[in-house]
Each structure stands twice: as structure tokens, then as C-alpha cells.
């Protein structure tokens, strides 16, 4: 019983570390990429508004 519990705890720790790494990777994205995405979204919104008239 003790072995199974400690194994579950180590798995939870490992998945927590993986989540921390993915969050860190998200925050380390270049700012230029974020600006490009938001600029594209703004352009699409403007084009959609123009198309609607």
C-alpha cells in the first residue's frame, strides 16, 4: 500500500513539473509573435466588418 501511494505522489510531481515547463515555455515566447497574432486578429476583425458593410 505504501509503495503504491508513493508512486502516485511521484507521478503527480512529475506531471506538475511538466506543467511548469509548458507554462514557462509559454511565457518565454517572443513578444513579436504575440504582436503579430494580435495584429492579424485585428485585421481579420476589420475585414469582417468591412465585408458586412
N, C-alpha and C. Protein backbone atom coordinates (compact mmCIF):
# COMPACT_ATOMS: atom_id res chain seq x y z
N UNK A 1 0.84 -1.21 0.00
CA UNK A 1 0.00 0.00 0.00
C UNK A 1 0.87 1.25 0.00
N UNK A 2 1.90 1.25 0.81
CA UNK A 2 2.79 2.41 0.89
C UNK A 2 3.49 2.66 -0.45
N UNK A 3 3.90 1.58 -1.10
CA UNK A 3 4.60 1.72 -2.38
C UNK A 3 3.69 2.37 -3.42
N UNK A 4 2.44 1.92 -3.49
CA UNK A 4 1.50 2.47 -4.47
C UNK A 4 1.26 3.96 -4.20
N UNK A 5 1.16 4.32 -2.94
CA UNK A 5 0.90 5.74 -2.61
C UNK A 5 2.09 6.60 -3.01
N UNK A 6 3.29 6.16 -2.69
CA UNK A 6 4.46 6.98 -3.02
C UNK A 6 4.65 7.05 -4.54
N UNK A 7 4.28 5.99 -5.25
CA UNK A 7 4.36 6.01 -6.71
C UNK A 7 3.39 7.05 -7.27
N UNK A 8 2.20 7.12 -6.73
CA UNK A 8 1.22 8.11 -7.17
C UNK A 8 1.70 9.53 -6.91
N UNK A 9 2.34 9.72 -5.76
CA UNK A 9 2.86 11.05 -5.43
C UNK A 9 3.96 11.44 -6.40
N UNK A 10 4.86 10.50 -6.73
CA UNK A 10 5.94 10.84 -7.66
C UNK A 10 5.39 11.12 -9.06
N UNK A 11 4.34 10.42 -9.46
CA UNK A 11 3.71 10.71 -10.77
C UNK A 11 3.08 12.10 -10.77
N UNK A 12 2.45 12.46 -9.66
CA UNK A 12 1.83 13.79 -9.57
C UNK A 12 2.90 14.87 -9.63
N UNK A 13 4.02 14.64 -8.96
CA UNK A 13 5.12 15.62 -9.00
C UNK A 13 5.66 15.75 -10.41
N UNK A 14 5.81 14.62 -11.11
CA UNK A 14 6.34 14.66 -12.48
C UNK A 14 5.39 15.42 -13.40
N UNK A 15 4.08 15.20 -13.26
CA UNK A 15 3.14 15.92 -14.13
C UNK A 15 3.11 17.40 -13.78
N UNK A 16 3.29 17.73 -12.51
CA UNK A 16 3.37 19.13 -12.11
C UNK A 16 4.58 19.82 -12.71
N UNK A 17 5.71 19.11 -12.73
CA UNK A 17 6.92 19.69 -13.34
C UNK A 17 6.72 19.88 -14.84
N UNK A 18 6.05 18.96 -15.49
CA UNK A 18 5.78 19.10 -16.93
C UNK A 18 4.90 20.32 -17.18
N UNK A 19 3.90 20.52 -16.33
CA UNK A 19 3.02 21.69 -16.48
C UNK A 19 3.82 22.98 -16.25
N UNK A 20 4.70 22.97 -15.26
CA UNK A 20 5.54 24.16 -15.01
C UNK A 20 6.39 24.48 -16.22
N UNK A 21 6.94 23.44 -16.86
CA UNK A 21 7.79 23.66 -18.05
C UNK A 21 6.97 24.25 -19.19
N UNK A 22 5.75 23.75 -19.39
CA UNK A 22 4.95 24.26 -20.50
C UNK A 22 4.50 25.70 -20.24
N UNK A 23 4.22 26.02 -18.98
CA UNK A 23 3.86 27.41 -18.63
C UNK A 23 5.06 28.32 -18.87
N UNK A 24 6.25 27.87 -18.45
CA UNK A 24 7.46 28.67 -18.64
C UNK A 24 7.72 28.88 -20.13
N UNK A 25 7.51 27.84 -20.93
CA UNK A 25 7.72 27.96 -22.38
C UNK A 25 6.75 28.97 -22.98
N UNK A 26 5.52 28.98 -22.49
CA UNK A 26 4.52 29.93 -22.98
C UNK A 26 4.94 31.36 -22.67
N UNK A 27 5.47 31.58 -21.46
CA UNK A 27 5.88 32.93 -21.07
C UNK A 27 7.17 33.37 -21.77
N UNK A 28 7.96 32.42 -22.27
CA UNK A 28 9.22 32.76 -22.93
C UNK A 28 9.04 33.03 -24.42
N UNK A 29 7.80 32.99 -24.91
CA UNK A 29 7.59 33.26 -26.34
C UNK A 29 8.07 34.66 -26.68
N UNK A 30 8.56 34.87 -27.89
CA UNK A 30 8.97 36.22 -28.28
C UNK A 30 7.76 37.15 -28.36
N UNK A 31 7.94 38.36 -27.91
CA UNK A 31 6.85 39.33 -27.90
C UNK A 31 6.38 39.64 -29.33
N UNK A 32 7.30 39.63 -30.27
CA UNK A 32 6.94 39.90 -31.66
C UNK A 32 5.89 38.94 -32.18
N UNK A 33 5.97 37.69 -31.77
CA UNK A 33 4.98 36.70 -32.22
C UNK A 33 3.60 37.07 -31.69
N UNK A 34 3.56 37.53 -30.44
CA UNK A 34 2.28 37.92 -29.85
C UNK A 34 1.70 39.13 -30.57
N UNK A 35 2.54 40.09 -30.89
CA UNK A 35 2.09 41.29 -31.60
C UNK A 35 1.57 40.91 -33.00
N UNK A 36 2.27 40.01 -33.67
CA UNK A 36 1.84 39.57 -35.00
C UNK A 36 0.48 38.90 -34.93
N UNK A 37 0.26 38.07 -33.91
CA UNK A 37 -1.03 37.39 -33.77
C UNK A 37 -2.13 38.40 -33.50
N UNK A 38 -1.89 39.34 -32.59
CA UNK A 38 -2.94 40.31 -32.27
C UNK A 38 -3.19 41.22 -33.47
N UNK A 39 -2.16 41.55 -34.22
CA UNK A 39 -2.34 42.36 -35.43
C UNK A 39 -3.15 41.64 -36.48
N UNK A 40 -2.91 40.36 -36.63
CA UNK A 40 -3.67 39.55 -37.58
C UNK A 40 -5.14 39.48 -37.17
N UNK A 41 -5.37 39.30 -35.87
CA UNK A 41 -6.75 39.25 -35.39
C UNK A 41 -7.46 40.58 -35.63
N UNK A 42 -6.77 41.68 -35.40
CA UNK A 42 -7.37 43.00 -35.63
C UNK A 42 -7.71 43.18 -37.11
N UNK A 43 -6.81 42.74 -37.98
CA UNK A 43 -7.04 42.86 -39.42
C UNK A 43 -8.24 42.02 -39.85
N UNK A 44 -8.33 40.80 -39.32
CA UNK A 44 -9.46 39.94 -39.66
C UNK A 44 -10.78 40.55 -39.19
N UNK A 45 -10.77 41.15 -38.01
CA UNK A 45 -11.97 41.81 -37.49
C UNK A 45 -12.37 42.97 -38.38
N UNK A 46 -11.37 43.75 -38.80
CA UNK A 46 -11.64 44.91 -39.67
C UNK A 46 -12.19 44.45 -41.02
N UNK A 47 -11.59 43.40 -41.57
CA UNK A 47 -12.06 42.89 -42.86
C UNK A 47 -13.49 42.36 -42.75
N UNK A 48 -13.79 41.69 -41.66
CA UNK A 48 -15.14 41.14 -41.47
C UNK A 48 -16.14 42.28 -41.35
N UNK A 49 -15.78 43.34 -40.64
CA UNK A 49 -16.68 44.49 -40.50
C UNK A 49 -16.91 45.17 -41.85
N UNK A 50 -15.85 45.25 -42.65
CA UNK A 50 -15.95 45.87 -43.97
C UNK A 50 -16.85 45.03 -44.88
N UNK A 51 -16.69 43.71 -44.80
CA UNK A 51 -17.48 42.82 -45.64
C UNK A 51 -18.97 42.90 -45.30
N UNK A 52 -19.26 43.11 -44.02
CA UNK A 52 -20.66 43.22 -43.60
C UNK A 52 -21.29 44.53 -44.06
N UNK A 53 -20.44 45.55 -44.26
CA UNK A 53 -20.95 46.82 -44.75
C UNK A 53 -21.48 47.62 -43.61
